[in-house]
């Protein structure tokens, strides 16, 4: 079955960096767009970044553009989120997600339907 396992979260001071990883299994990873979402307490889940199956197409939420970078290694079935210049408002549980269908670049939240368990990112001021 499809499995997504995030890692790399933690506590960091404002201005610091973290790199999240998401290891995928149970499907042909190289054919699916992948996304990173986040959810802070009391808020709705927010789409942060997406990357196409080949890694050449990416999109970011305005709130993270220029600070976060999404990438993938199809040989390792892993997608990454490099987070720099972190701010307290980046504090959230971060989830990776798989798009609903293969071979299509998906850039909208409703296009993602399979989720990992999440990893906590806490940014202190």
PDB file of N, CA and C in Angstrom:
ATOM      1  N   UNK A   1       0.831  -1.182   0.000  1.00  0.00           N
ATOM      2  CA  UNK A   1       0.000   0.000   0.000  1.00  0.00           C
ATOM      3  C   UNK A   1       0.877   1.247   0.000  1.00  0.00           C
ATOM      4  N   UNK A   2       0.263   2.373  -0.361  1.00  0.00           N
ATOM      5  CA  UNK A   2       0.998   3.631  -0.395  1.00  0.00           C
ATOM      6  C   UNK A   2       1.398   4.044   1.013  1.00  0.00           C
ATOM      7  N   UNK A   3       2.668   4.392   1.149  1.00  0.00           N
ATOM      8  CA  UNK A   3       3.164   4.845   2.446  1.00  0.00           C
ATOM      9  C   UNK A   3       4.073   6.050   2.243  1.00  0.00           C
ATOM     10  N   UNK A   4       3.865   7.078   3.065  1.00  0.00           N
ATOM     11  CA  UNK A   4       4.687   8.277   3.050  1.00  0.00           C
ATOM     12  C   UNK A   4       5.148   8.526   4.475  1.00  0.00           C
ATOM     13  N   UNK A   5       6.451   8.640   4.674  1.00  0.00           N
ATOM     14  CA  UNK A   5       7.000   8.801   6.015  1.00  0.00           C
ATOM     15  C   UNK A   5       7.889  10.032   6.039  1.00  0.00           C
ATOM     16  N   UNK A   6       7.456  11.052   6.780  1.00  0.00           N
ATOM     17  CA  UNK A   6       8.210  12.291   6.901  1.00  0.00           C
ATOM     18  C   UNK A   6       9.214  12.198   8.050  1.00  0.00           C
ATOM     19  N   UNK A   7      10.288  12.958   7.908  1.00  0.00           N
ATOM     20  CA  UNK A   7      11.285  13.066   8.974  1.00  0.00           C
ATOM     21  C   UNK A   7      11.999  14.402   8.835  1.00  0.00           C
ATOM     22  N   UNK A   8      12.746  14.761   9.866  1.00  0.00           N
ATOM     23  CA  UNK A   8      13.567  15.964   9.794  1.00  0.00           C
ATOM     24  C   UNK A   8      13.029  17.160  10.547  1.00  0.00           C
ATOM     25  N   UNK A   9      11.843  17.042  11.117  1.00  0.00           N
ATOM     26  CA  UNK A   9      11.309  18.153  11.890  1.00  0.00           C
ATOM     27  C   UNK A   9      12.059  18.339  13.196  1.00  0.00           C
ATOM     28  N   UNK A  10      11.730  19.426  13.882  1.00  0.00           N
ATOM     29  CA  UNK A  10      12.384  19.690  15.159  1.00  0.00           C
ATOM     30  C   UNK A  10      12.177  21.114  15.599  1.00  0.00           C
ATOM     31  N   UNK A  11      12.971  21.498  16.598  1.00  0.00           N
ATOM     32  CA  UNK A  11      12.921  22.846  17.159  1.00  0.00           C
ATOM     33  C   UNK A  11      14.117  23.636  16.638  1.00  0.00           C
ATOM     34  N   UNK A  12      13.849  24.832  16.130  1.00  0.00           N
ATOM     35  CA  UNK A  12      14.909  25.665  15.583  1.00  0.00           C
ATOM     36  C   UNK A  12      14.609  27.115  15.921  1.00  0.00           C
ATOM     37  N   UNK A  13      15.654  27.916  16.051  1.00  0.00           N
ATOM     38  CA  UNK A  13      15.455  29.339  16.305  1.00  0.00           C
ATOM     39  C   UNK A  13      15.097  30.066  15.011  1.00  0.00           C
ATOM     40  N   UNK A  14      14.422  31.184  15.175  1.00  0.00           N
ATOM     41  CA  UNK A  14      14.093  32.013  14.015  1.00  0.00           C
ATOM     42  C   UNK A  14      15.365  32.356  13.246  1.00  0.00           C
ATOM     43  N   UNK A  15      15.251  32.282  11.919  1.00  0.00           N
ATOM     44  CA  UNK A  15      16.412  32.501  11.059  1.00  0.00           C
ATOM     45  C   UNK A  15      17.170  31.246  10.711  1.00  0.00           C
ATOM     46  N   UNK A  16      16.855  30.161  11.387  1.00  0.00           N
ATOM     47  CA  UNK A  16      17.549  28.902  11.153  1.00  0.00           C
ATOM     48  C   UNK A  16      16.970  28.126   9.980  1.00  0.00           C
ATOM     49  N   UNK A  17      17.503  26.919   9.808  1.00  0.00           N
ATOM     50  CA  UNK A  17      17.121  26.070   8.681  1.00  0.00           C
ATOM     51  C   UNK A  17      16.803  24.656   9.147  1.00  0.00           C
ATOM     52  N   UNK A  18      15.960  24.005   8.384  1.00  0.00           N
ATOM     53  CA  UNK A  18      15.676  22.586   8.552  1.00  0.00           C
ATOM     54  C   UNK A  18      15.467  21.972   7.178  1.00  0.00           C
ATOM     55  N   UNK A  19      15.750  20.683   7.078  1.00  0.00           N
ATOM     56  CA  UNK A  19      15.478  19.952   5.846  1.00  0.00           C
ATOM     57  C   UNK A  19      14.579  18.776   6.161  1.00  0.00           C
ATOM     58  N   UNK A  20      13.390  18.807   5.604  1.00  0.00           N
ATOM     59  CA  UNK A  20      12.456  17.706   5.781  1.00  0.00           C
ATOM     60  C   UNK A  20      12.628  16.691   4.649  1.00  0.00           C
ATOM     61  N   UNK A  21      12.422  15.439   4.979  1.00  0.00           N
ATOM     62  CA  UNK A  21      12.448  14.367   3.994  1.00  0.00           C
ATOM     63  C   UNK A  21      11.145  13.590   4.060  1.00  0.00           C
ATOM     64  N   UNK A  22      10.770  13.018   2.942  1.00  0.00           N
ATOM     65  CA  UNK A  22       9.579  12.166   2.887  1.00  0.00           C
ATOM     66  C   UNK A  22       9.926  10.951   2.041  1.00  0.00           C
ATOM     67  N   UNK A  23       9.974   9.800   2.677  1.00  0.00           N
ATOM     68  CA  UNK A  23      10.277   8.549   1.986  1.00  0.00           C
ATOM     69  C   UNK A  23       8.979   7.899   1.539  1.00  0.00           C
ATOM     70  N   UNK A  24       8.897   7.587   0.257  1.00  0.00           N
ATOM     71  CA  UNK A  24       7.673   7.037  -0.312  1.00  0.00           C
ATOM     72  C   UNK A  24       7.857   5.575  -0.694  1.00  0.00           C
ATOM     73  N   UNK A  25       6.778   4.820  -0.592  1.00  0.00           N
ATOM     74  CA  UNK A  25       6.797   3.421  -1.014  1.00  0.00           C
ATOM     75  C   UNK A  25       5.385   2.996  -1.403  1.00  0.00           C
ATOM     76  N   UNK A  26       5.304   1.880  -2.120  1.00  0.00           N
ATOM     77  CA  UNK A  26       4.008   1.324  -2.471  1.00  0.00           C
ATOM     78  C   UNK A  26       3.414   1.841  -3.766  1.00  0.00           C
ATOM     79  N   UNK A  27       4.156   2.680  -4.488  1.00  0.00           N
ATOM     80  CA  UNK A  27       3.691   3.169  -5.781  1.00  0.00           C
ATOM     81  C   UNK A  27       4.898   3.597  -6.611  1.00  0.00           C
ATOM     82  N   UNK A  28       4.663   3.893  -7.888  1.00  0.00           N
ATOM     83  CA  UNK A  28       5.745   4.308  -8.772  1.00  0.00           C
ATOM     84  C   UNK A  28       5.996   5.792  -8.560  1.00  0.00           C
ATOM     85  N   UNK A  29       6.895   6.067  -7.637  1.00  0.00           N
ATOM     86  CA  UNK A  29       7.137   7.436  -7.151  1.00  0.00           C
ATOM     87  C   UNK A  29       7.440   8.399  -8.292  1.00  0.00           C
ATOM     88  N   UNK A  30       8.222   7.968  -9.259  1.00  0.00           N
ATOM     89  CA  UNK A  30       8.708   8.857 -10.311  1.00  0.00           C
ATOM     90  C   UNK A  30       7.623   9.329 -11.268  1.00  0.00           C
ATOM     91  N   UNK A  31       6.405   8.850 -11.119  1.00  0.00           N
ATOM     92  CA  UNK A  31       5.322   9.241 -12.023  1.00  0.00           C
ATOM     93  C   UNK A  31       4.305  10.180 -11.378  1.00  0.00           C
ATOM     94  N   UNK A  32       4.519  10.535 -10.122  1.00  0.00           N
ATOM     95  CA  UNK A  32       3.542  11.356  -9.400  1.00  0.00           C
ATOM     96  C   UNK A  32       4.116  12.693  -8.967  1.00  0.00           C
ATOM     97  N   UNK A  33       3.305  13.754  -9.111  1.00  0.00           N
ATOM     98  CA  UNK A  33       3.612  15.006  -8.433  1.00  0.00           C
ATOM     99  C   UNK A  33       3.516  14.779  -6.929  1.00  0.00           C
ATOM    100  N   UNK A  34       4.347  15.498  -6.206  1.00  0.00           N
ATOM    101  CA  UNK A  34       4.344  15.411  -4.737  1.00  0.00           C
ATOM    102  C   UNK A  34       4.212  16.811  -4.154  1.00  0.00           C
ATOM    103  N   UNK A  35       3.625  16.875  -2.972  1.00  0.00           N
ATOM    104  CA  UNK A  35       3.428  18.163  -2.335  1.00  0.00           C
ATOM    105  C   UNK A  35       3.808  18.148  -0.876  1.00  0.00           C
ATOM    106  N   UNK A  36       4.084  19.328  -0.367  1.00  0.00           N
ATOM    107  CA  UNK A  36       4.267  19.537   1.072  1.00  0.00           C
ATOM    108  C   UNK A  36       3.165  20.464   1.557  1.00  0.00           C
ATOM    109  N   UNK A  37       2.543  20.079   2.652  1.00  0.00           N
ATOM    110  CA  UNK A  37       1.499  20.863   3.295  1.00  0.00           C
ATOM    111  C   UNK A  37       1.913  21.125   4.737  1.00  0.00           C
ATOM    112  N   UNK A  38       1.242  22.068   5.365  1.00  0.00           N
ATOM    113  CA  UNK A  38       1.452  22.284   6.790  1.00  0.00           C
ATOM    114  C   UNK A  38       0.140  22.687   7.441  1.00  0.00           C
ATOM    115  N   UNK A  39       0.072  22.395   8.734  1.00  0.00           N
ATOM    116  CA  UNK A  39      -1.119  22.748   9.497  1.00  0.00           C
ATOM    117  C   UNK A  39      -0.711  23.177  10.891  1.00  0.00           C
ATOM    118  N   UNK A  40      -1.046  24.406  11.219  1.00  0.00           N
ATOM    119  CA  UNK A  40      -0.826  24.930  12.566  1.00  0.00           C
ATOM    120  C   UNK A  40      -2.108  24.735  13.373  1.00  0.00           C
ATOM    121  N   UNK A  41      -2.009  24.706  14.697  1.00  0.00           N
ATOM    122  CA  UNK A  41      -3.197  24.519  15.529  1.00  0.00           C
ATOM    123  C   UNK A  41      -4.274  25.553  15.216  1.00  0.00           C
ATOM    124  N   UNK A  42      -5.500  25.075  15.043  1.00  0.00           N
ATOM    125  CA  UNK A  42      -6.612  25.974  14.807  1.00  0.00           C
ATOM    126  C   UNK A  42      -6.720  26.516  13.399  1.00  0.00           C
ATOM    127  N   UNK A  43      -5.887  25.993  12.502  1.00  0.00           N
ATOM    128  CA  UNK A  43      -5.925  26.475  11.113  1.00  0.00           C
ATOM    129  C   UNK A  43      -6.174  25.317  10.164  1.00  0.00           C
ATOM    130  N   UNK A  44      -6.509  25.649   8.937  1.00  0.00           N
ATOM    131  CA  UNK A  44      -6.689  24.623   7.915  1.00  0.00           C
ATOM    132  C   UNK A  44      -5.322  24.230   7.337  1.00  0.00           C
ATOM    133  N   UNK A  45      -5.297  23.026   6.776  1.00  0.00           N
ATOM    134  CA  UNK A  45      -4.064  22.572   6.141  1.00  0.00           C
ATOM    135  C   UNK A  45      -3.763  23.458   4.926  1.00  0.00           C
ATOM    136  N   UNK A  46      -2.508  23.857   4.815  1.00  0.00           N
ATOM    137  CA  UNK A  46      -2.071  24.817   3.794  1.00  0.00           C
ATOM    138  C   UNK A  46      -1.070  24.163   2.854  1.00  0.00           C
ATOM    139  N   UNK A  47      -1.278  24.345   1.565  1.00  0.00           N
ATOM    140  CA  UNK A  47      -0.310  23.843   0.593  1.00  0.00           C
ATOM    141  C   UNK A  47       0.919  24.748   0.588  1.00  0.00           C
ATOM    142  N   UNK A  48       2.091  24.163   0.784  1.00  0.00           N
ATOM    143  CA  UNK A  48       3.331  24.931   0.900  1.00  0.00           C
ATOM    144  C   UNK A  48       4.122  24.898  -0.404  1.00  0.00           C
ATOM    145  N   UNK A  49       4.278  23.689  -0.975  1.00  0.00           N
ATOM    146  CA  UNK A  49       5.093  23.549  -2.182  1.00  0.00           C
ATOM    147  C   UNK A  49       4.696  22.282  -2.913  1.00  0.00           C
ATOM    148  N   UNK A  50       4.847  22.313  -4.223  1.00  0.00           N
ATOM    149  CA  UNK A  50       4.604  21.120  -5.023  1.00  0.00           C
ATOM    150  C   UNK A  50       5.749  20.949  -6.010  1.00  0.00           C
ATOM    151  N   UNK A  51       5.927  19.702  -6.454  1.00  0.00           N
ATOM    152  CA  UNK A  51       6.971  19.413  -7.438  1.00  0.00           C
ATOM    153  C   UNK A  51       6.452  18.361  -8.393  1.00  0.00           C
ATOM    154  N   UNK A  52       6.697  18.562  -9.675  1.00  0.00           N
ATOM    155  CA  UNK A  52       6.261  17.613 -10.675  1.00  0.00           C
ATOM    156  C   UNK A  52       7.048  16.324 -10.625  1.00  0.00           C
ATOM    157  N   UNK A  53       6.551  15.317 -11.367  1.00  0.00           N
ATOM    158  CA  UNK A  53       7.156  13.992 -11.258  1.00  0.00           C
ATOM    159  C   UNK A  53       8.628  13.967 -11.687  1.00  0.00           C
ATOM    160  N   UNK A  54       9.011  14.831 -12.622  1.00  0.00           N
ATOM    161  CA  UNK A  54      10.396  14.866 -13.072  1.00  0.00           C
ATOM    162  C   UNK A  54      11.271  15.813 -12.284  1.00  0.00           C
ATOM    163  N   UNK A  55      10.655  16.610 -11.424  1.00  0.00           N
ATOM    164  CA  UNK A  55      11.416  17.533 -10.592  1.00  0.00           C
ATOM    165  C   UNK A  55      11.674  18.889 -11.219  1.00  0.00           C
ATOM    166  N   UNK A  56      11.226  19.093 -12.454  1.00  0.00           N
ATOM    167  CA  UNK A  56      11.533  20.365 -13.119  1.00  0.00           C
ATOM    168  C   UNK A  56      10.504  21.447 -12.834  1.00  0.00           C
ATOM    169  N   UNK A  57       9.295  21.061 -12.499  1.00  0.00           N
ATOM    170  CA  UNK A  57       8.232  22.029 -12.220  1.00  0.00           C
ATOM    171  C   UNK A  57       8.001  22.112 -10.728  1.00  0.00           C
ATOM    172  N   UNK A  58       7.972  23.345 -10.221  1.00  0.00           N
ATOM    173  CA  UNK A  58       7.720  23.555  -8.794  1.00  0.00           C
ATOM    174  C   UNK A  58       6.841  24.796  -8.617  1.00  0.00           C
ATOM    175  N   UNK A  59       6.113  24.813  -7.515  1.00  0.00           N
ATOM    176  CA  UNK A  59       5.324  25.982  -7.138  1.00  0.00           C
ATOM    177  C   UNK A  59       5.355  26.109  -5.630  1.00  0.00           C
ATOM    178  N   UNK A  60       5.230  27.355  -5.160  1.00  0.00           N
ATOM    179  CA  UNK A  60       5.320  27.630  -3.735  1.00  0.00           C
ATOM    180  C   UNK A  60       4.200  28.572  -3.300  1.00  0.00           C
ATOM    181  N   UNK A  61       3.785  28.423  -2.053  1.00  0.00           N
ATOM    182  CA  UNK A  61       2.911  29.412  -1.454  1.00  0.00           C
ATOM    183  C   UNK A  61       3.677  30.726  -1.330  1.00  0.00           C
ATOM    184  N   UNK A  62       2.948  31.827  -1.445  1.00  0.00           N
ATOM    185  CA  UNK A  62       3.594  33.137  -1.338  1.00  0.00           C
ATOM    186  C   UNK A  62       4.335  33.289  -0.019  1.00  0.00           C
ATOM    187  N   UNK A  63       3.808  32.675   1.025  1.00  0.00           N
ATOM    188  CA  UNK A  63       4.376  32.844   2.368  1.00  0.00           C
ATOM    189  C   UNK A  63       5.756  32.200   2.517  1.00  0.00           C
ATOM    190  N   UNK A  64       6.119  31.290   1.609  1.00  0.00           N
ATOM    191  CA  UNK A  64       7.405  30.597   1.736  1.00  0.00           C
ATOM    192  C   UNK A  64       8.301  30.791   0.517  1.00  0.00           C
ATOM    193  N   UNK A  65       7.791  31.385  -0.543  1.00  0.00           N
ATOM    194  CA  UNK A  65       8.585  31.566  -1.763  1.00  0.00           C
ATOM    195  C   UNK A  65       9.856  32.350  -1.454  1.00  0.00           C
ATOM    196  N   UNK A  66      10.975  31.851  -1.969  1.00  0.00           N
ATOM    197  CA  UNK A  66      12.259  32.488  -1.723  1.00  0.00           C
ATOM    198  C   UNK A  66      12.963  31.992  -0.480  1.00  0.00           C
ATOM    199  N   UNK A  67      12.255  31.267   0.380  1.00  0.00           N
ATOM    200  CA  UNK A  67      12.860  30.717   1.609  1.00  0.00           C
ATOM    201  C   UNK A  67      12.886  29.192   1.600  1.00  0.00           C
ATOM    202  N   UNK A  68      11.881  28.582   1.001  1.00  0.00           N
ATOM    203  CA  UNK A  68      11.775  27.122   0.960  1.00  0.00           C
ATOM    204  C   UNK A  68      12.082  26.625  -0.448  1.00  0.00           C
ATOM    205  N   UNK A  69      12.668  25.421  -0.514  1.00  0.00           N
ATOM    206  CA  UNK A  69      12.946  24.786  -1.803  1.00  0.00           C
ATOM    207  C   UNK A  69      12.526  23.330  -1.746  1.00  0.00           C
ATOM    208  N   UNK A  70      11.693  22.932  -2.680  1.00  0.00           N
ATOM    209  CA  UNK A  70      11.266  21.537  -2.771  1.00  0.00           C
ATOM    210  C   UNK A  70      12.104  20.842  -3.844  1.00  0.00           C
ATOM    211  N   UNK A  71      12.481  19.596  -3.570  1.00  0.00           N
ATOM    212  CA  UNK A  71      13.257  18.818  -4.528  1.00  0.00           C
ATOM    213  C   UNK A  71      12.906  17.346  -4.350  1.00  0.00           C
ATOM    214  N   UNK A  72      13.373  16.532  -5.268  1.00  0.00           N
ATOM    215  CA  UNK A  72      13.096  15.108  -5.161  1.00  0.00           C
ATOM    216  C   UNK A  72      14.244  14.313  -5.763  1.00  0.00           C
ATOM    217  N   UNK A  73      14.377  13.081  -5.273  1.00  0.00           N
ATOM    218  CA  UNK A  73      15.349  12.135  -5.802  1.00  0.00           C
ATOM    219  C   UNK A  73      14.551  10.886  -6.173  1.00  0.00           C
ATOM    220  N   UNK A  74      14.256  10.728  -7.434  1.00  0.00           N
ATOM    221  CA  UNK A  74      13.414   9.606  -7.848  1.00  0.00           C
ATOM    222  C   UNK A  74      14.123   8.256  -7.687  1.00  0.00           C
ATOM    223  N   UNK A  75      15.443   8.274  -7.668  1.00  0.00           N
ATOM    224  CA  UNK A  75      16.174   7.031  -7.439  1.00  0.00           C
ATOM    225  C   UNK A  75      16.035   6.553  -6.001  1.00  0.00           C
ATOM    226  N   UNK A  76      15.785   7.489  -5.095  1.00  0.00           N
ATOM    227  CA  UNK A  76      15.635   7.154  -3.677  1.00  0.00           C
ATOM    228  C   UNK A  76      14.189   7.218  -3.214  1.00  0.00           C
ATOM    229  N   UNK A  77      13.260   7.494  -4.137  1.00  0.00           N
ATOM    230  CA  UNK A  77      11.840   7.605  -3.772  1.00  0.00           C
ATOM    231  C   UNK A  77      11.632   8.579  -2.611  1.00  0.00           C
ATOM    232  N   UNK A  78      12.273   9.719  -2.686  1.00  0.00           N
ATOM    233  CA  UNK A  78      12.238  10.673  -1.588  1.00  0.00           C
ATOM    234  C   UNK A  78      12.027  12.085  -2.116  1.00  0.00           C
ATOM    235  N   UNK A  79      11.206  12.823  -1.401  1.00  0.00           N
ATOM    236  CA  UNK A  79      11.005  14.241  -1.684  1.00  0.00           C
ATOM    237  C   UNK A  79      11.478  15.032  -0.463  1.00  0.00           C
ATOM    238  N   UNK A  80      12.032  16.204  -0.733  1.00  0.00           N
ATOM    239  CA  UNK A  80      12.635  17.023   0.323  1.00  0.00           C
ATOM    240  C   UNK A  80      12.000  18.402   0.364  1.00  0.00           C
ATOM    241  N   UNK A  81      12.106  19.026   1.526  1.00  0.00           N
ATOM    242  CA  UNK A  81      11.736  20.429   1.669  1.00  0.00           C
ATOM    243  C   UNK A  81      12.830  21.104   2.480  1.00  0.00           C
ATOM    244  N   UNK A  82      13.631  21.916   1.801  1.00  0.00           N
ATOM    245  CA  UNK A  82      14.663  22.706   2.463  1.00  0.00           C
ATOM    246  C   UNK A  82      14.025  24.011   2.911  1.00  0.00           C
ATOM    247  N   UNK A  83      14.098  24.277   4.204  1.00  0.00           N
ATOM    248  CA  UNK A  83      13.459  25.462   4.777  1.00  0.00           C
ATOM    249  C   UNK A  83      14.539  26.346   5.382  1.00  0.00           C
ATOM    250  N   UNK A  84      14.690  27.529   4.828  1.00  0.00           N
ATOM    251  CA  UNK A  84      15.673  28.501   5.307  1.00  0.00           C
ATOM    252  C   UNK A  84      14.979  29.735   5.841  1.00  0.00           C
ATOM    253  N   UNK A  85      15.712  30.528   6.590  1.00  0.00           N
ATOM    254  CA  UNK A  85      15.168  31.780   7.146  1.00  0.00           C
ATOM    255  C   UNK A  85      13.834  31.541   7.823  1.00  0.00           C
ATOM    256  N   UNK A  86      13.799  30.545   8.657  1.00  0.00           N
ATOM    257  CA  UNK A  86      12.534  30.159   9.289  1.00  0.00           C
ATOM    258  C   UNK A  86      12.028  31.249  10.224  1.00  0.00           C
ATOM    259  N   UNK A  87      10.699  31.335  10.277  1.00  0.00           N
ATOM    260  CA  UNK A  87      10.015  32.323  11.104  1.00  0.00           C
ATOM    261  C   UNK A  87       9.094  31.600  12.086  1.00  0.00           C
ATOM    262  N   UNK A  88       8.770  32.248  13.199  1.00  0.00           N
ATOM    263  CA  UNK A  88       7.841  31.603  14.148  1.00  0.00           C
ATOM    264  C   UNK A  88       6.525  31.205  13.492  1.00  0.00           C
ATOM    265  N   UNK A  89       6.085  31.953  12.511  1.00  0.00           N
ATOM    266  CA  UNK A  89       4.820  31.611  11.845  1.00  0.00           C
ATOM    267  C   UNK A  89       4.929  30.385  10.938  1.00  0.00           C
ATOM    268  N   UNK A  90       6.122  29.851  10.760  1.00  0.00           N
ATOM    269  CA  UNK A  90       6.281  28.593  10.036  1.00  0.00           C
ATOM    270  C   UNK A  90       6.020  27.387  10.943  1.00  0.00           C
ATOM    271  N   UNK A  91       5.831  27.624  12.223  1.00  0.00           N
ATOM    272  CA  UNK A  91       5.560  26.538  13.151  1.00  0.00           C
ATOM    273  C   UNK A  91       4.285  25.803  12.766  1.00  0.00           C
ATOM    274  N   UNK A  92       4.381  24.495  12.585  1.00  0.00           N
ATOM    275  CA  UNK A  92       3.243  23.683  12.136  1.00  0.00           C
ATOM    276  C   UNK A  92       3.673  22.228  12.068  1.00  0.00           C
ATOM    277  N   UNK A  93       2.697  21.363  11.867  1.00  0.00           N
ATOM    278  CA  UNK A  93       2.990  19.995  11.460  1.00  0.00           C
ATOM    279  C   UNK A  93       3.060  19.989   9.936  1.00  0.00           C
ATOM    280  N   UNK A  94       4.145  19.436   9.420  1.00  0.00           N
ATOM    281  CA  UNK A  94       4.361  19.407   7.977  1.00  0.00           C
ATOM    282  C   UNK A  94       4.092  17.995   7.467  1.00  0.00           C
ATOM    283  N   UNK A  95       3.347  17.937   6.377  1.00  0.00           N
ATOM    284  CA  UNK A  95       2.954  16.673   5.769  1.00  0.00           C
ATOM    285  C   UNK A  95       3.414  16.618   4.320  1.00  0.00           C
ATOM    286  N   UNK A  96       3.845  15.467   3.887  1.00  0.00           N
ATOM    287  CA  UNK A  96       4.006  15.293   2.451  1.00  0.00           C
ATOM    288  C   UNK A  96       2.791  14.552   1.922  1.00  0.00           C
ATOM    289  N   UNK A  97       2.536  14.722   0.645  1.00  0.00           N
ATOM    290  CA  UNK A  97       1.337  14.160   0.041  1.00  0.00           C
ATOM    291  C   UNK A  97       1.600  13.785  -1.400  1.00  0.00           C
ATOM    292  N   UNK A  98       0.862  12.802  -1.855  1.00  0.00           N
ATOM    293  CA  UNK A  98       0.948  12.360  -3.242  1.00  0.00           C
ATOM    294  C   UNK A  98      -0.263  12.860  -4.013  1.00  0.00           C
ATOM    295  N   UNK A  99      -0.024  13.257  -5.263  1.00  0.00           N
ATOM    296  CA  UNK A  99      -1.119  13.704  -6.108  1.00  0.00           C
ATOM    297  C   UNK A  99      -2.062  12.542  -6.436  1.00  0.00           C
ATOM    298  N   UNK A 100      -3.263  12.905  -6.867  1.00  0.00           N
ATOM    299  CA  UNK A 100      -4.292  11.897  -7.136  1.00  0.00           C
ATOM    300  C   UNK A 100      -3.979  11.043  -8.347  1.00  0.00           C
ATOM    301  N   UNK A 101      -3.356  11.578  -9.355  1.00  0.00           N
ATOM    302  CA  UNK A 101      -3.117  10.812 -10.579  1.00  0.00           C
ATOM    303  C   UNK A 101      -1.689  10.966 -11.057  1.00  0.00           C
ATOM    304  N   UNK A 102      -1.229   9.975 -11.802  1.00  0.00           N
ATOM    305  CA  UNK A 102       0.139  10.000 -12.307  1.00  0.00           C
ATOM    306  C   UNK A 102       0.236  10.845 -13.572  1.00  0.00           C
ATOM    307  N   UNK A 103       1.470  11.209 -13.891  1.00  0.00           N
ATOM    308  CA  UNK A 103       1.807  11.846 -15.156  1.00  0.00           C
ATOM    309  C   UNK A 103       1.077  13.171 -15.385  1.00  0.00           C
ATOM    310  N   UNK A 104       0.708  13.850 -14.332  1.00  0.00           N
ATOM    311  CA  UNK A 104       0.071  15.162 -14.447  1.00  0.00           C
ATOM    312  C   UNK A 104       0.637  16.065 -13.362  1.00  0.00           C
ATOM    313  N   UNK A 105       0.976  17.289 -13.743  1.00  0.00           N
ATOM    314  CA  UNK A 105       1.502  18.239 -12.766  1.00  0.00           C
ATOM    315  C   UNK A 105       0.331  18.809 -11.985  1.00  0.00           C
ATOM    316  N   UNK A 106       0.343  18.598 -10.694  1.00  0.00           N
ATOM    317  CA  UNK A 106      -0.752  19.001  -9.815  1.00  0.00           C
ATOM    318  C   UNK A 106      -0.274  20.113  -8.898  1.00  0.00           C
ATOM    319  N   UNK A 107      -0.949  21.248  -8.937  1.00  0.00           N
ATOM    320  CA  UNK A 107      -0.501  22.384  -8.136  1.00  0.00           C
ATOM    321  C   UNK A 107      -1.563  22.904  -7.175  1.00  0.00           C
ATOM    322  N   UNK A 108      -2.698  22.229  -7.088  1.00  0.00           N
ATOM    323  CA  UNK A 108      -3.766  22.680  -6.192  1.00  0.00           C
ATOM    324  C   UNK A 108      -3.975  21.686  -5.058  1.00  0.00           C
ATOM    325  N   UNK A 109      -4.333  22.204  -3.891  1.00  0.00           N
ATOM    326  CA  UNK A 109      -4.513  21.355  -2.719  1.00  0.00           C
ATOM    327  C   UNK A 109      -5.498  20.208  -2.945  1.00  0.00           C
ATOM    328  N   UNK A 110      -6.650  20.435  -3.576  1.00  0.00           N
ATOM    329  CA  UNK A 110      -7.606  19.324  -3.759  1.00  0.00           C
ATOM    330  C   UNK A 110      -7.072  18.193  -4.632  1.00  0.00           C
ATOM    331  N   UNK A 111      -5.969  18.422  -5.346  1.00  0.00           N
ATOM    332  CA  UNK A 111      -5.394  17.395  -6.201  1.00  0.00           C
ATOM    333  C   UNK A 111      -4.550  16.391  -5.421  1.00  0.00           C
ATOM    334  N   UNK A 112      -4.409  16.599  -4.114  1.00  0.00           N
ATOM    335  CA  UNK A 112      -3.585  15.724  -3.292  1.00  0.00           C
ATOM    336  C   UNK A 112      -4.458  14.959  -2.315  1.00  0.00           C
ATOM    337  N   UNK A 113      -4.228  13.647  -2.231  1.00  0.00           N
ATOM    338  CA  UNK A 113      -5.185  12.823  -1.487  1.00  0.00           C
ATOM    339  C   UNK A 113      -4.555  11.799  -0.569  1.00  0.00           C
ATOM    340  N   UNK A 114      -3.264  11.587  -0.655  1.00  0.00           N
ATOM    341  CA  UNK A 114      -2.608  10.579   0.184  1.00  0.00           C
ATOM    342  C   UNK A 114      -1.551  11.269   1.014  1.00  0.00           C
ATOM    343  N   UNK A 115      -1.585  11.043   2.332  1.00  0.00           N
ATOM    344  CA  UNK A 115      -0.788  11.847   3.261  1.00  0.00           C
ATOM    345  C   UNK A 115       0.117  10.979   4.116  1.00  0.00           C
ATOM    346  N   UNK A 116       1.215  11.602   4.553  1.00  0.00           N
ATOM    347  CA  UNK A 116       2.026  10.981   5.584  1.00  0.00           C
ATOM    348  C   UNK A 116       1.470  11.309   6.959  1.00  0.00           C
ATOM    349  N   UNK A 117       2.227  10.912   7.996  1.00  0.00           N
ATOM    350  CA  UNK A 117       1.759  11.126   9.363  1.00  0.00           C
ATOM    351  C   UNK A 117       2.159  12.503   9.894  1.00  0.00           C
ATOM    352  N   UNK A 118       3.060  13.168   9.200  1.00  0.00           N
ATOM    353  CA  UNK A 118       3.455  14.514   9.585  1.00  0.00           C
ATOM    354  C   UNK A 118       4.689  14.550  10.476  1.00  0.00           C
ATOM    355  N   UNK A 119       5.366  15.683  10.440  1.00  0.00           N
ATOM    356  CA  UNK A 119       6.515  15.925  11.314  1.00  0.00           C
ATOM    357  C   UNK A 119       6.407  17.352  11.849  1.00  0.00           C
ATOM    358  N   UNK A 120       6.645  17.514  13.137  1.00  0.00           N
ATOM    359  CA  UNK A 120       6.462  18.810  13.791  1.00  0.00           C
ATOM    360  C   UNK A 120       7.672  19.705  13.549  1.00  0.00           C
ATOM    361  N   UNK A 121       7.395  20.931  13.146  1.00  0.00           N
ATOM    362  CA  UNK A 121       8.417  21.974  13.026  1.00  0.00           C
ATOM    363  C   UNK A 121       8.023  23.103  13.967  1.00  0.00           C
ATOM    364  N   UNK A 122       8.932  23.439  14.868  1.00  0.00           N
ATOM    365  CA  UNK A 122       8.684  24.514  15.815  1.00  0.00           C
ATOM    366  C   UNK A 122       9.804  25.538  15.690  1.00  0.00           C
ATOM    367  N   UNK A 123       9.421  26.782  15.438  1.00  0.00           N
ATOM    368  CA  UNK A 123      10.400  27.864  15.283  1.00  0.00           C
ATOM    369  C   UNK A 123      10.225  28.828  16.442  1.00  0.00           C
ATOM    370  N   UNK A 124      11.259  28.978  17.243  1.00  0.00           N
ATOM    371  CA  UNK A 124      11.201  29.868  18.400  1.00  0.00           C
ATOM    372  C   UNK A 124      11.709  31.251  18.020  1.00  0.00           C
ATOM    373  N   UNK A 125      11.134  32.244  18.678  1.00  0.00           N
ATOM    374  CA  UNK A 125      11.519  33.638  18.373  1.00  0.00           C
ATOM    375  C   UNK A 125      12.683  34.080  19.222  1.00  0.00           C
TER     376      UNK A 125
END
